[in-house]
Amino acid sequence: MPDAMFVEVLTPDKTLYSGEAAVITLPGVAGSFQLLNMHAPMIANLKVGTIEITGLDNQKKTYSVNNGLVEVLNNKVVVLI
């Protein structure tokens, strides 16, 4: 079993993040939530807030978001903002 999930954070213009992560925290419309390795498949809407990605080295990257969508499938997380 892999130790990390693959995460991509995409805008219409560019890729903001592409790589492995241990944890990703997202601002869902029903409240903030976290995704971990091997999360069940899901699709969720995002609201205004901050995306925080924690890498395998515990380094954190943050991105501001006005709205968006996240898809989790086969241990891959794609965030469209």
Protein backbone atom coordinates (compact mmCIF):
# COMPACT_ATOMS: atom_id res chain seq x y z
CA MET A 1 0.00 0.00 0.00
CA PRO A 2 1.42 3.45 -0.87
CA ASP A 3 2.33 5.83 1.96
CA ALA A 4 1.02 8.91 0.17
CA MET A 5 -1.64 10.08 -2.20
CA PHE A 6 -0.94 11.95 -5.43
CA VAL A 7 -2.32 15.51 -5.44
CA GLU A 8 -2.82 18.00 -8.26
CA VAL A 9 -4.10 21.55 -7.74
CA LEU A 10 -5.13 23.00 -11.11
CA THR A 11 -6.38 26.38 -12.34
CA PRO A 12 -7.54 27.12 -15.89
CA ASP A 13 -4.10 28.66 -16.53
CA LYS A 14 -1.60 26.45 -14.73
CA THR A 15 -0.77 23.67 -12.31
CA LEU A 16 -0.16 25.09 -8.82
CA TYR A 17 0.86 21.80 -7.21
CA SER A 18 1.61 18.32 -8.46
CA GLY A 19 3.11 15.69 -6.21
CA GLU A 20 2.70 13.33 -3.30
CA ALA A 21 1.14 14.45 -0.03
CA ALA A 22 0.41 12.99 3.38
CA VAL A 23 -2.62 15.21 4.16
CA ILE A 24 -4.68 17.82 2.32
CA THR A 25 -7.10 20.14 4.12
CA LEU A 26 -9.87 21.71 2.02
CA PRO A 27 -12.61 24.32 2.64
CA GLY A 28 -15.76 22.35 1.78
CA VAL A 29 -19.14 24.07 1.49
CA ALA A 30 -20.35 22.08 4.54
CA GLY A 31 -17.13 22.77 6.47
CA SER A 32 -13.41 22.16 6.33
CA PHE A 33 -12.29 18.55 5.82
CA GLN A 34 -9.11 16.53 5.43
CA LEU A 35 -8.12 13.82 2.99
CA LEU A 36 -5.61 11.14 3.91
CA ASN A 37 -3.91 8.29 2.09
CA MET A 38 -6.35 5.74 0.58
CA HIS A 39 -9.43 7.97 1.09
CA ALA A 40 -12.69 6.66 -0.32
CA PRO A 41 -13.75 8.02 -3.74
CA MET A 42 -15.64 11.31 -3.54
CA ILE A 43 -16.45 14.59 -5.26
CA ALA A 44 -17.04 17.77 -3.25
CA ASN A 45 -17.58 21.48 -3.83
CA LEU A 46 -15.22 24.00 -2.27
CA LYS A 47 -15.92 27.49 -0.90
CA VAL A 48 -13.78 30.50 -0.08
CA GLY A 49 -10.89 29.48 2.15
CA THR A 50 -7.44 27.95 2.19
CA ILE A 51 -6.14 24.66 0.85
CA GLU A 52 -3.28 23.27 2.94
CA ILE A 53 -1.14 20.45 1.59
CA THR A 54 1.24 18.65 3.95
CA GLY A 55 4.01 16.82 2.16
CA LEU A 56 5.75 13.63 3.24
CA ASP A 57 8.50 15.81 4.73
CA ASN A 58 5.90 17.72 6.86
CA GLN A 59 6.43 20.86 4.75
CA LYS A 60 3.15 22.74 4.26
CA LYS A 61 1.98 24.62 1.18
CA THR A 62 -1.13 26.80 1.22
CA TYR A 63 -3.30 28.16 -1.57
CA SER A 64 -6.21 30.59 -1.33
CA VAL A 65 -9.38 29.54 -3.11
CA ASN A 66 -12.63 31.34 -3.96
CA ASN A 67 -14.47 28.19 -5.00
CA GLY A 68 -13.74 24.94 -6.74
CA LEU A 69 -14.19 21.21 -6.94
CA VAL A 70 -12.23 18.24 -5.60
CA GLU A 71 -12.27 14.68 -6.89
CA VAL A 72 -10.72 11.73 -5.06
CA LEU A 73 -10.32 8.47 -6.97
CA ASN A 74 -7.77 5.63 -6.76
CA ASN A 75 -5.58 7.49 -4.23
CA LYS A 76 -5.35 10.53 -6.53
CA VAL A 77 -6.75 13.93 -5.52
CA VAL A 78 -7.50 16.51 -8.22
CA VAL A 79 -8.48 20.00 -7.04
CA LEU A 80 -9.90 22.36 -9.67
CA ILE A 81 -9.88 26.01 -8.60
